[in-house]
Amino acid sequence: MDITSPSLDKFPIYARLGVHEVWRYDGERMTILVLEGSDYAKTAESIVLPPVTSKVLTDFVEKIKSVERKAWLKEVREWSRENTGTSSRTRPYLSCGQRSEGSCSPRLTL
């Protein structure tokens, strides 16, 4: 996830490193960008975590501004269970130590 304002300048670096997906927050909404060749293109749904959409990410980012962290984490976990059919406690997280199709996946823990 990228929340820095000059992040567009970093996209060529991300592409050279083989980062397949970038989530970018512009202060108002999350955008999911996927690597296509040497450039990034907007997409509505994550290729790394298919139930995740730009709208879902935006909603979660906005919600953390108004609720306590513990309540927010509970809501994220509940969403994950409802939308993936698994418990976040039993679902393995992605890490760069686990390679899929020759690519390094981001670490995600909920």
PDB file of N, CA and C in Angstrom:
ATOM      1  N   MET A   1       0.855  -1.162   0.000  1.00  0.00           N
ATOM      2  CA  MET A   1       0.000   0.000   0.000  1.00  0.00           C
ATOM      3  C   MET A   1       0.898   1.221   0.000  1.00  0.00           C
ATOM      4  N   ASP A   2       0.512   2.194  -0.776  1.00  0.00           N
ATOM      5  CA  ASP A   2       1.299   3.404  -0.909  1.00  0.00           C
ATOM      6  C   ASP A   2       0.436   4.602  -0.553  1.00  0.00           C
ATOM      7  N   ILE A   3       0.877   5.389   0.428  1.00  0.00           N
ATOM      8  CA  ILE A   3       0.111   6.568   0.824  1.00  0.00           C
ATOM      9  C   ILE A   3       0.915   7.855   0.682  1.00  0.00           C
ATOM     10  N   THR A   4       2.041   7.772   0.004  1.00  0.00           N
ATOM     11  CA  THR A   4       2.871   8.956  -0.162  1.00  0.00           C
ATOM     12  C   THR A   4       2.420   9.760  -1.366  1.00  0.00           C
ATOM     13  N   SER A   5       2.555  11.073  -1.279  1.00  0.00           N
ATOM     14  CA  SER A   5       2.102  11.915  -2.387  1.00  0.00           C
ATOM     15  C   SER A   5       2.959  11.765  -3.646  1.00  0.00           C
ATOM     16  N   PRO A   6       4.288  11.610  -3.538  1.00  0.00           N
ATOM     17  CA  PRO A   6       5.069  11.455  -4.769  1.00  0.00           C
ATOM     18  C   PRO A   6       5.190   9.989  -5.213  1.00  0.00           C
ATOM     19  N   SER A   7       4.196   9.166  -4.894  1.00  0.00           N
ATOM     20  CA  SER A   7       4.307   7.734  -5.180  1.00  0.00           C
ATOM     21  C   SER A   7       4.375   7.422  -6.664  1.00  0.00           C
ATOM     22  N   LEU A   8       3.768   8.257  -7.500  1.00  0.00           N
ATOM     23  CA  LEU A   8       3.792   7.976  -8.935  1.00  0.00           C
ATOM     24  C   LEU A   8       5.217   7.887  -9.444  1.00  0.00           C
ATOM     25  N   ASP A   9       6.138   8.640  -8.833  1.00  0.00           N
ATOM     26  CA  ASP A   9       7.543   8.588  -9.220  1.00  0.00           C
ATOM     27  C   ASP A   9       8.168   7.234  -8.863  1.00  0.00           C
ATOM     28  N   LYS A  10       7.570   6.537  -7.919  1.00  0.00           N
ATOM     29  CA  LYS A  10       8.114   5.252  -7.472  1.00  0.00           C
ATOM     30  C   LYS A  10       7.609   4.082  -8.296  1.00  0.00           C
ATOM     31  N   PHE A  11       6.580   4.279  -9.103  1.00  0.00           N
ATOM     32  CA  PHE A  11       6.000   3.169  -9.858  1.00  0.00           C
ATOM     33  C   PHE A  11       7.011   2.455 -10.758  1.00  0.00           C
ATOM     34  N   PRO A  12       7.898   3.160 -11.458  1.00  0.00           N
ATOM     35  CA  PRO A  12       8.893   2.440 -12.264  1.00  0.00           C
ATOM     36  C   PRO A  12       9.792   1.540 -11.404  1.00  0.00           C
ATOM     37  N   ILE A  13      10.083   1.982 -10.193  1.00  0.00           N
ATOM     38  CA  ILE A  13      10.887   1.162  -9.278  1.00  0.00           C
ATOM     39  C   ILE A  13      10.096  -0.081  -8.879  1.00  0.00           C
ATOM     40  N   TYR A  14       8.834   0.117  -8.504  1.00  0.00           N
ATOM     41  CA  TYR A  14       7.975  -1.020  -8.145  1.00  0.00           C
ATOM     42  C   TYR A  14       7.898  -2.011  -9.300  1.00  0.00           C
ATOM     43  N   ALA A  15       7.746  -1.494 -10.520  1.00  0.00           N
ATOM     44  CA  ALA A  15       7.635  -2.364 -11.700  1.00  0.00           C
ATOM     45  C   ALA A  15       8.914  -3.165 -11.909  1.00  0.00           C
ATOM     46  N   ARG A  16      10.074  -2.520 -11.780  1.00  0.00           N
ATOM     47  CA  ARG A  16      11.350  -3.226 -11.945  1.00  0.00           C
ATOM     48  C   ARG A  16      11.541  -4.299 -10.881  1.00  0.00           C
ATOM     49  N   LEU A  17      10.990  -4.059  -9.697  1.00  0.00           N
ATOM     50  CA  LEU A  17      11.076  -5.046  -8.620  1.00  0.00           C
ATOM     51  C   LEU A  17      10.051  -6.168  -8.792  1.00  0.00           C
ATOM     52  N   GLY A  18       9.128  -5.999  -9.727  1.00  0.00           N
ATOM     53  CA  GLY A  18       8.126  -7.030  -9.983  1.00  0.00           C
ATOM     54  C   GLY A  18       6.952  -6.994  -9.027  1.00  0.00           C
ATOM     55  N   VAL A  19       6.666  -5.824  -8.462  1.00  0.00           N
ATOM     56  CA  VAL A  19       5.510  -5.681  -7.577  1.00  0.00           C
ATOM     57  C   VAL A  19       4.268  -5.726  -8.458  1.00  0.00           C
ATOM     58  N   HIS A  20       3.483  -6.798  -8.328  1.00  0.00           N
ATOM     59  CA  HIS A  20       2.356  -7.020  -9.228  1.00  0.00           C
ATOM     60  C   HIS A  20       1.146  -6.145  -8.933  1.00  0.00           C
ATOM     61  N   GLU A  21       1.041  -5.658  -7.700  1.00  0.00           N
ATOM     62  CA  GLU A  21      -0.143  -4.886  -7.340  1.00  0.00           C
ATOM     63  C   GLU A  21       0.230  -3.815  -6.322  1.00  0.00           C
ATOM     64  N   VAL A  22      -0.314  -2.615  -6.520  1.00  0.00           N
ATOM     65  CA  VAL A  22      -0.096  -1.500  -5.599  1.00  0.00           C
ATOM     66  C   VAL A  22      -1.460  -0.952  -5.214  1.00  0.00           C
ATOM     67  N   TRP A  23      -1.650  -0.721  -3.920  1.00  0.00           N
ATOM     68  CA  TRP A  23      -2.865  -0.064  -3.433  1.00  0.00           C
ATOM     69  C   TRP A  23      -2.457   1.348  -3.081  1.00  0.00           C
ATOM     70  N   ARG A  24      -3.085   2.339  -3.700  1.00  0.00           N
ATOM     71  CA  ARG A  24      -2.704   3.733  -3.491  1.00  0.00           C
ATOM     72  C   ARG A  24      -3.859   4.521  -2.901  1.00  0.00           C
ATOM     73  N   TYR A  25      -3.577   5.255  -1.835  1.00  0.00           N
ATOM     74  CA  TYR A  25      -4.562   6.118  -1.185  1.00  0.00           C
ATOM     75  C   TYR A  25      -4.195   7.560  -1.479  1.00  0.00           C
ATOM     76  N   ASP A  26      -5.136   8.307  -2.052  1.00  0.00           N
ATOM     77  CA  ASP A  26      -4.865   9.694  -2.433  1.00  0.00           C
ATOM     78  C   ASP A  26      -5.448  10.712  -1.454  1.00  0.00           C
ATOM     79  N   GLY A  27      -5.875  10.242  -0.295  1.00  0.00           N
ATOM     80  CA  GLY A  27      -6.485  11.122   0.694  1.00  0.00           C
ATOM     81  C   GLY A  27      -7.996  11.056   0.676  1.00  0.00           C
ATOM     82  N   GLU A  28      -8.552  10.501  -0.393  1.00  0.00           N
ATOM     83  CA  GLU A  28     -10.002  10.362  -0.514  1.00  0.00           C
ATOM     84  C   GLU A  28     -10.436   8.937  -0.825  1.00  0.00           C
ATOM     85  N   ARG A  29      -9.658   8.253  -1.648  1.00  0.00           N
ATOM     86  CA  ARG A  29     -10.062   6.896  -2.045  1.00  0.00           C
ATOM     87  C   ARG A  29      -8.833   6.025  -2.314  1.00  0.00           C
ATOM     88  N   MET A  30      -9.066   4.729  -2.191  1.00  0.00           N
ATOM     89  CA  MET A  30      -8.032   3.750  -2.513  1.00  0.00           C
ATOM     90  C   MET A  30      -8.188   3.365  -3.982  1.00  0.00           C
ATOM     91  N   THR A  31      -7.065   3.184  -4.621  1.00  0.00           N
ATOM     92  CA  THR A  31      -7.043   2.718  -6.000  1.00  0.00           C
ATOM     93  C   THR A  31      -6.168   1.477  -6.045  1.00  0.00           C
ATOM     94  N   ILE A  32      -6.647   0.464  -6.737  1.00  0.00           N
ATOM     95  CA  ILE A  32      -5.861  -0.754  -6.923  1.00  0.00           C
ATOM     96  C   ILE A  32      -5.254  -0.676  -8.317  1.00  0.00           C
ATOM     97  N   LEU A  33      -3.942  -0.817  -8.373  1.00  0.00           N
ATOM     98  CA  LEU A  33      -3.224  -0.769  -9.646  1.00  0.00           C
ATOM     99  C   LEU A  33      -2.489  -2.090  -9.843  1.00  0.00           C
ATOM    100  N   VAL A  34      -2.577  -2.645 -11.037  1.00  0.00           N
ATOM    101  CA  VAL A  34      -1.900  -3.905 -11.334  1.00  0.00           C
ATOM    102  C   VAL A  34      -0.854  -3.675 -12.420  1.00  0.00           C
ATOM    103  N   LEU A  35       0.219  -4.420 -12.317  1.00  0.00           N
ATOM    104  CA  LEU A  35       1.319  -4.309 -13.269  1.00  0.00           C
ATOM    105  C   LEU A  35       0.924  -4.969 -14.589  1.00  0.00           C
ATOM    106  N   GLU A  36       1.000  -4.198 -15.655  1.00  0.00           N
ATOM    107  CA  GLU A  36       0.746  -4.693 -17.008  1.00  0.00           C
ATOM    108  C   GLU A  36       1.951  -4.302 -17.851  1.00  0.00           C
ATOM    109  N   GLY A  37       2.808  -5.258 -18.102  1.00  0.00           N
ATOM    110  CA  GLY A  37       4.064  -4.967 -18.792  1.00  0.00           C
ATOM    111  C   GLY A  37       4.977  -4.199 -17.856  1.00  0.00           C
ATOM    112  N   SER A  38       5.283  -2.963 -18.201  1.00  0.00           N
ATOM    113  CA  SER A  38       6.140  -2.146 -17.336  1.00  0.00           C
ATOM    114  C   SER A  38       5.382  -0.977 -16.711  1.00  0.00           C
ATOM    115  N   ASP A  39       4.039  -0.956 -16.888  1.00  0.00           N
ATOM    116  CA  ASP A  39       3.215   0.125 -16.344  1.00  0.00           C
ATOM    117  C   ASP A  39       2.110  -0.444 -15.459  1.00  0.00           C
ATOM    118  N   TYR A  40       1.514   0.439 -14.668  1.00  0.00           N
ATOM    119  CA  TYR A  40       0.407   0.047 -13.800  1.00  0.00           C
ATOM    120  C   TYR A  40      -0.911   0.564 -14.374  1.00  0.00           C
ATOM    121  N   ALA A  41      -1.941  -0.273 -14.256  1.00  0.00           N
ATOM    122  CA  ALA A  41      -3.275   0.102 -14.725  1.00  0.00           C
ATOM    123  C   ALA A  41      -4.266  -0.086 -13.585  1.00  0.00           C
ATOM    124  N   LYS A  42      -5.268   0.796 -13.534  1.00  0.00           N
ATOM    125  CA  LYS A  42      -6.305   0.687 -12.506  1.00  0.00           C
ATOM    126  C   LYS A  42      -7.140  -0.564 -12.740  1.00  0.00           C
ATOM    127  N   THR A  43      -7.566  -1.169 -11.639  1.00  0.00           N
ATOM    128  CA  THR A  43      -8.479  -2.290 -11.695  1.00  0.00           C
ATOM    129  C   THR A  43      -9.436  -2.172 -10.521  1.00  0.00           C
ATOM    130  N   ALA A  44     -10.618  -2.716 -10.650  1.00  0.00           N
ATOM    131  CA  ALA A  44     -11.614  -2.606  -9.579  1.00  0.00           C
ATOM    132  C   ALA A  44     -11.365  -3.600  -8.462  1.00  0.00           C
ATOM    133  N   GLU A  45     -10.768  -4.762  -8.795  1.00  0.00           N
ATOM    134  CA  GLU A  45     -10.608  -5.835  -7.814  1.00  0.00           C
ATOM    135  C   GLU A  45      -9.153  -6.268  -7.720  1.00  0.00           C
ATOM    136  N   SER A  46      -8.728  -6.612  -6.518  1.00  0.00           N
ATOM    137  CA  SER A  46      -7.373  -7.079  -6.276  1.00  0.00           C
ATOM    138  C   SER A  46      -7.126  -8.423  -6.956  1.00  0.00           C
ATOM    139  N   ILE A  47      -5.937  -8.585  -7.543  1.00  0.00           N
ATOM    140  CA  ILE A  47      -5.562  -9.891  -8.070  1.00  0.00           C
ATOM    141  C   ILE A  47      -4.896 -10.735  -6.994  1.00  0.00           C
ATOM    142  N   VAL A  48      -4.400 -10.069  -5.962  1.00  0.00           N
ATOM    143  CA  VAL A  48      -3.750 -10.770  -4.851  1.00  0.00           C
ATOM    144  C   VAL A  48      -4.787 -11.295  -3.866  1.00  0.00           C
ATOM    145  N   LEU A  49      -5.803 -10.489  -3.586  1.00  0.00           N
ATOM    146  CA  LEU A  49      -6.888 -10.851  -2.669  1.00  0.00           C
ATOM    147  C   LEU A  49      -8.218 -10.581  -3.370  1.00  0.00           C
ATOM    148  N   PRO A  50      -8.678 -11.511  -4.217  1.00  0.00           N
ATOM    149  CA  PRO A  50      -9.834 -11.268  -5.078  1.00  0.00           C
ATOM    150  C   PRO A  50     -11.099 -10.706  -4.440  1.00  0.00           C
ATOM    151  N   PRO A  51     -11.452 -10.995  -3.199  1.00  0.00           N
ATOM    152  CA  PRO A  51     -12.671 -10.346  -2.711  1.00  0.00           C
ATOM    153  C   PRO A  51     -12.496  -8.851  -2.443  1.00  0.00           C
ATOM    154  N   VAL A  52     -11.283  -8.362  -2.421  1.00  0.00           N
ATOM    155  CA  VAL A  52     -11.003  -6.969  -2.075  1.00  0.00           C
ATOM    156  C   VAL A  52     -11.160  -6.083  -3.307  1.00  0.00           C
ATOM    157  N   THR A  53     -11.941  -5.020  -3.139  1.00  0.00           N
ATOM    158  CA  THR A  53     -12.141  -4.032  -4.203  1.00  0.00           C
ATOM    159  C   THR A  53     -11.670  -2.665  -3.723  1.00  0.00           C
ATOM    160  N   SER A  54     -11.566  -1.735  -4.639  1.00  0.00           N
ATOM    161  CA  SER A  54     -11.198  -0.359  -4.271  1.00  0.00           C
ATOM    162  C   SER A  54     -12.201   0.226  -3.287  1.00  0.00           C
ATOM    163  N   LYS A  55     -13.481  -0.065  -3.490  1.00  0.00           N
ATOM    164  CA  LYS A  55     -14.517   0.455  -2.591  1.00  0.00           C
ATOM    165  C   LYS A  55     -14.357  -0.113  -1.186  1.00  0.00           C
ATOM    166  N   VAL A  56     -14.110  -1.406  -1.072  1.00  0.00           N
ATOM    167  CA  VAL A  56     -13.918  -2.035   0.246  1.00  0.00           C
ATOM    168  C   VAL A  56     -12.730  -1.400   0.951  1.00  0.00           C
ATOM    169  N   LEU A  57     -11.625  -1.236   0.247  1.00  0.00           N
ATOM    170  CA  LEU A  57     -10.438  -0.620   0.846  1.00  0.00           C
ATOM    171  C   LEU A  57     -10.713   0.814   1.274  1.00  0.00           C
ATOM    172  N   THR A  58     -11.378   1.575   0.424  1.00  0.00           N
ATOM    173  CA  THR A  58     -11.708   2.965   0.764  1.00  0.00           C
ATOM    174  C   THR A  58     -12.581   3.020   2.008  1.00  0.00           C
ATOM    175  N   ASP A  59     -13.586   2.148   2.064  1.00  0.00           N
ATOM    176  CA  ASP A  59     -14.467   2.112   3.237  1.00  0.00           C
ATOM    177  C   ASP A  59     -13.687   1.815   4.509  1.00  0.00           C
ATOM    178  N   PHE A  60     -12.755   0.862   4.454  1.00  0.00           N
ATOM    179  CA  PHE A  60     -11.965   0.529   5.638  1.00  0.00           C
ATOM    180  C   PHE A  60     -11.035   1.678   6.049  1.00  0.00           C
ATOM    181  N   VAL A  61     -10.434   2.337   5.075  1.00  0.00           N
ATOM    182  CA  VAL A  61      -9.551   3.468   5.392  1.00  0.00           C
ATOM    183  C   VAL A  61     -10.349   4.601   6.026  1.00  0.00           C
ATOM    184  N   GLU A  62     -11.514   4.885   5.503  1.00  0.00           N
ATOM    185  CA  GLU A  62     -12.344   5.948   6.070  1.00  0.00           C
ATOM    186  C   GLU A  62     -12.852   5.570   7.457  1.00  0.00           C
ATOM    187  N   LYS A  63     -13.202   4.328   7.660  1.00  0.00           N
ATOM    188  CA  LYS A  63     -13.733   3.879   8.946  1.00  0.00           C
ATOM    189  C   LYS A  63     -12.693   3.998  10.066  1.00  0.00           C
ATOM    190  N   ILE A  64     -11.426   3.716   9.774  1.00  0.00           N
ATOM    191  CA  ILE A  64     -10.390   3.770  10.820  1.00  0.00           C
ATOM    192  C   ILE A  64     -10.244   5.189  11.375  1.00  0.00           C
ATOM    193  N   LYS A  65     -10.692   6.180  10.616  1.00  0.00           N
ATOM    194  CA  LYS A  65     -10.618   7.570  11.083  1.00  0.00           C
ATOM    195  C   LYS A  65     -11.633   7.871  12.180  1.00  0.00           C
ATOM    196  N   SER A  66     -12.677   7.029  12.290  1.00  0.00           N
ATOM    197  CA  SER A  66     -13.758   7.349  13.219  1.00  0.00           C
ATOM    198  C   SER A  66     -14.007   6.304  14.313  1.00  0.00           C
ATOM    199  N   VAL A  67     -13.310   5.189  14.281  1.00  0.00           N
ATOM    200  CA  VAL A  67     -13.514   4.163  15.308  1.00  0.00           C
ATOM    201  C   VAL A  67     -12.178   3.782  15.926  1.00  0.00           C
ATOM    202  N   GLU A  68     -12.254   3.160  17.084  1.00  0.00           N
ATOM    203  CA  GLU A  68     -11.031   2.699  17.740  1.00  0.00           C
ATOM    204  C   GLU A  68     -10.422   1.548  16.943  1.00  0.00           C
ATOM    205  N   ARG A  69      -9.108   1.438  17.040  1.00  0.00           N
ATOM    206  CA  ARG A  69      -8.372   0.432  16.270  1.00  0.00           C
ATOM    207  C   ARG A  69      -8.889  -0.983  16.528  1.00  0.00           C
ATOM    208  N   LYS A  70      -9.161  -1.316  17.763  1.00  0.00           N
ATOM    209  CA  LYS A  70      -9.626  -2.664  18.103  1.00  0.00           C
ATOM    210  C   LYS A  70     -10.965  -2.974  17.421  1.00  0.00           C
ATOM    211  N   ALA A  71     -11.883  -2.032  17.426  1.00  0.00           N
ATOM    212  CA  ALA A  71     -13.181  -2.221  16.777  1.00  0.00           C
ATOM    213  C   ALA A  71     -13.001  -2.329  15.262  1.00  0.00           C
ATOM    214  N   TRP A  72     -12.090  -1.529  14.721  1.00  0.00           N
ATOM    215  CA  TRP A  72     -11.819  -1.568  13.293  1.00  0.00           C
ATOM    216  C   TRP A  72     -11.259  -2.928  12.881  1.00  0.00           C
ATOM    217  N   LEU A  73     -10.297  -3.436  13.635  1.00  0.00           N
ATOM    218  CA  LEU A  73      -9.713  -4.747  13.335  1.00  0.00           C
ATOM    219  C   LEU A  73     -10.761  -5.847  13.400  1.00  0.00           C
ATOM    220  N   LYS A  74     -11.660  -5.750  14.376  1.00  0.00           N
ATOM    221  CA  LYS A  74     -12.734  -6.735  14.487  1.00  0.00           C
ATOM    222  C   LYS A  74     -13.611  -6.707  13.237  1.00  0.00           C
ATOM    223  N   GLU A  75     -13.926  -5.514  12.772  1.00  0.00           N
ATOM    224  CA  GLU A  75     -14.759  -5.377  11.576  1.00  0.00           C
ATOM    225  C   GLU A  75     -14.050  -5.928  10.334  1.00  0.00           C
ATOM    226  N   VAL A  76     -12.756  -5.668  10.205  1.00  0.00           N
ATOM    227  CA  VAL A  76     -11.984  -6.193   9.076  1.00  0.00           C
ATOM    228  C   VAL A  76     -11.967  -7.724   9.117  1.00  0.00           C
ATOM    229  N   ARG A  77     -11.752  -8.282  10.292  1.00  0.00           N
ATOM    230  CA  ARG A  77     -11.750  -9.748  10.429  1.00  0.00           C
ATOM    231  C   ARG A  77     -13.106 -10.343  10.075  1.00  0.00           C
ATOM    232  N   GLU A  78     -14.177  -9.718  10.542  1.00  0.00           N
ATOM    233  CA  GLU A  78     -15.519 -10.205  10.220  1.00  0.00           C
ATOM    234  C   GLU A  78     -15.776 -10.139   8.721  1.00  0.00           C
ATOM    235  N   TRP A  79     -15.369  -9.047   8.101  1.00  0.00           N
ATOM    236  CA  TRP A  79     -15.525  -8.928   6.657  1.00  0.00           C
ATOM    237  C   TRP A  79     -14.758 -10.042   5.952  1.00  0.00           C
ATOM    238  N   SER A  80     -13.553 -10.300   6.408  1.00  0.00           N
ATOM    239  CA  SER A  80     -12.724 -11.342   5.807  1.00  0.00           C
ATOM    240  C   SER A  80     -13.396 -12.705   5.913  1.00  0.00           C
ATOM    241  N   ARG A  81     -13.916 -13.026   7.088  1.00  0.00           N
ATOM    242  CA  ARG A  81     -14.591 -14.315   7.272  1.00  0.00           C
ATOM    243  C   ARG A  81     -15.807 -14.437   6.363  1.00  0.00           C
ATOM    244  N   GLU A  82     -16.596 -13.378   6.290  1.00  0.00           N
ATOM    245  CA  GLU A  82     -17.815 -13.398   5.478  1.00  0.00           C
ATOM    246  C   GLU A  82     -17.531 -13.483   3.980  1.00  0.00           C
ATOM    247  N   ASN A  83     -16.441 -12.886   3.543  1.00  0.00           N
ATOM    248  CA  ASN A  83     -16.158 -12.797   2.117  1.00  0.00           C
ATOM    249  C   ASN A  83     -15.169 -13.824   1.588  1.00  0.00           C
ATOM    250  N   THR A  84     -14.503 -14.525   2.488  1.00  0.00           N
ATOM    251  CA  THR A  84     -13.566 -15.551   2.033  1.00  0.00           C
ATOM    252  C   THR A  84     -13.958 -16.930   2.546  1.00  0.00           C
ATOM    253  N   GLY A  85     -14.866 -16.970   3.515  1.00  0.00           N
ATOM    254  CA  GLY A  85     -15.290 -18.256   4.062  1.00  0.00           C
ATOM    255  C   GLY A  85     -14.264 -18.893   4.974  1.00  0.00           C
ATOM    256  N   THR A  86     -13.264 -18.119   5.417  1.00  0.00           N
ATOM    257  CA  THR A  86     -12.241 -18.651   6.313  1.00  0.00           C
ATOM    258  C   THR A  86     -12.037 -17.717   7.481  1.00  0.00           C
ATOM    259  N   SER A  87     -11.454 -18.266   8.506  1.00  0.00           N
ATOM    260  CA  SER A  87     -11.089 -17.468   9.675  1.00  0.00           C
ATOM    261  C   SER A  87      -9.722 -16.863   9.445  1.00  0.00           C
ATOM    262  N   SER A  88      -9.534 -15.616   9.845  1.00  0.00           N
ATOM    263  CA  SER A  88      -8.222 -14.985   9.697  1.00  0.00           C
ATOM    264  C   SER A  88      -7.186 -15.674  10.568  1.00  0.00           C
ATOM    265  N   ARG A  89      -7.618 -16.376  11.598  1.00  0.00           N
ATOM    266  CA  ARG A  89      -6.671 -17.081  12.456  1.00  0.00           C
ATOM    267  C   ARG A  89      -6.160 -18.363  11.806  1.00  0.00           C
ATOM    268  N   THR A  90      -6.965 -18.977  10.945  1.00  0.00           N
ATOM    269  CA  THR A  90      -6.545 -20.217  10.317  1.00  0.00           C
ATOM    270  C   THR A  90      -6.067 -20.020   8.892  1.00  0.00           C
ATOM    271  N   ARG A  91      -6.357 -18.875   8.324  1.00  0.00           N
ATOM    272  CA  ARG A  91      -5.957 -18.592   6.954  1.00  0.00           C
ATOM    273  C   ARG A  91      -4.488 -18.189   6.931  1.00  0.00           C
ATOM    274  N   PRO A  92      -3.676 -18.840   6.123  1.00  0.00           N
ATOM    275  CA  PRO A  92      -2.258 -18.468   6.090  1.00  0.00           C
ATOM    276  C   PRO A  92      -2.069 -17.085   5.494  1.00  0.00           C
ATOM    277  N   TYR A  93      -1.065 -16.377   5.982  1.00  0.00           N
ATOM    278  CA  TYR A  93      -0.792 -15.061   5.429  1.00  0.00           C
ATOM    279  C   TYR A  93       0.185 -15.200   4.284  1.00  0.00           C
ATOM    280  N   LEU A  94       0.172 -14.212   3.430  1.00  0.00           N
ATOM    281  CA  LEU A  94       1.099 -14.178   2.315  1.00  0.00           C
ATOM    282  C   LEU A  94       2.376 -13.513   2.769  1.00  0.00           C
ATOM    283  N   SER A  95       3.477 -14.007   2.314  1.00  0.00           N
ATOM    284  CA  SER A  95       4.744 -13.361   2.650  1.00  0.00           C
ATOM    285  C   SER A  95       5.712 -13.519   1.493  1.00  0.00           C
ATOM    286  N   CYS A  96       6.764 -12.743   1.519  1.00  0.00           N
ATOM    287  CA  CYS A  96       7.752 -12.831   0.447  1.00  0.00           C
ATOM    288  C   CYS A  96       8.539 -14.133   0.523  1.00  0.00           C
ATOM    289  N   GLY A  97       8.421 -14.864   1.613  1.00  0.00           N
ATOM    290  CA  GLY A  97       9.061 -16.169   1.727  1.00  0.00           C
ATOM    291  C   GLY A  97       8.301 -17.239   0.961  1.00  0.00           C
ATOM    292  N   GLN A  98       7.054 -16.952   0.599  1.00  0.00           N
ATOM    293  CA  GLN A  98       6.241 -17.899  -0.151  1.00  0.00           C
ATOM    294  C   GLN A  98       6.124 -17.385  -1.570  1.00  0.00           C
ATOM    295  N   ARG A  99       6.625 -18.129  -2.509  1.00  0.00           N
ATOM    296  CA  ARG A  99       6.596 -17.681  -3.900  1.00  0.00           C
ATOM    297  C   ARG A  99       5.488 -18.375  -4.665  1.00  0.00           C
ATOM    298  N   SER A 100       4.830 -17.609  -5.489  1.00  0.00           N
ATOM    299  CA  SER A 100       3.750 -18.116  -6.321  1.00  0.00           C
ATOM    300  C   SER A 100       4.011 -17.676  -7.745  1.00  0.00           C
ATOM    301  N   GLU A 101       4.068 -18.595  -8.652  1.00  0.00           N
ATOM    302  CA  GLU A 101       4.320 -18.298 -10.060  1.00  0.00           C
ATOM    303  C   GLU A 101       5.551 -17.403 -10.227  1.00  0.00           C
ATOM    304  N   GLY A 102       6.570 -17.636  -9.406  1.00  0.00           N
ATOM    305  CA  GLY A 102       7.814 -16.894  -9.540  1.00  0.00           C
ATOM    306  C   GLY A 102       7.764 -15.472  -9.035  1.00  0.00           C
ATOM    307  N   SER A 103       6.692 -15.106  -8.348  1.00  0.00           N
ATOM    308  CA  SER A 103       6.589 -13.727  -7.872  1.00  0.00           C
ATOM    309  C   SER A 103       6.587 -13.689  -6.354  1.00  0.00           C
ATOM    310  N   CYS A 104       6.954 -12.553  -5.825  1.00  0.00           N
ATOM    311  CA  CYS A 104       6.962 -12.352  -4.387  1.00  0.00           C
ATOM    312  C   CYS A 104       5.662 -11.677  -3.988  1.00  0.00           C
ATOM    313  N   SER A 105       4.906 -12.292  -3.083  1.00  0.00           N
ATOM    314  CA  SER A 105       3.621 -11.742  -2.668  1.00  0.00           C
ATOM    315  C   SER A 105       3.793 -10.899  -1.409  1.00  0.00           C
ATOM    316  N   PRO A 106       2.938  -9.908  -1.205  1.00  0.00           N
ATOM    317  CA  PRO A 106       3.044  -9.061  -0.009  1.00  0.00           C
ATOM    318  C   PRO A 106       2.636  -9.822   1.240  1.00  0.00           C
ATOM    319  N   ARG A 107       3.165  -9.430   2.381  1.00  0.00           N
ATOM    320  CA  ARG A 107       2.773 -10.017   3.643  1.00  0.00           C
ATOM    321  C   ARG A 107       1.463  -9.377   4.079  1.00  0.00           C
ATOM    322  N   LEU A 108       0.511 -10.186   4.427  1.00  0.00           N
ATOM    323  CA  LEU A 108      -0.786  -9.688   4.867  1.00  0.00           C
ATOM    324  C   LEU A 108      -1.196 -10.447   6.109  1.00  0.00           C
ATOM    325  N   THR A 109      -1.490  -9.731   7.152  1.00  0.00           N
ATOM    326  CA  THR A 109      -2.047 -10.352   8.339  1.00  0.00           C
ATOM    327  C   THR A 109      -3.249  -9.536   8.756  1.00  0.00           C
ATOM    328  N   LEU A 110      -4.287 -10.201   9.150  1.00  0.00           N
ATOM    329  CA  LEU A 110      -5.488  -9.495   9.603  1.00  0.00           C
ATOM    330  C   LEU A 110      -5.720  -9.777  11.064  1.00  0.00           C
TER     331      LEU A 110
END
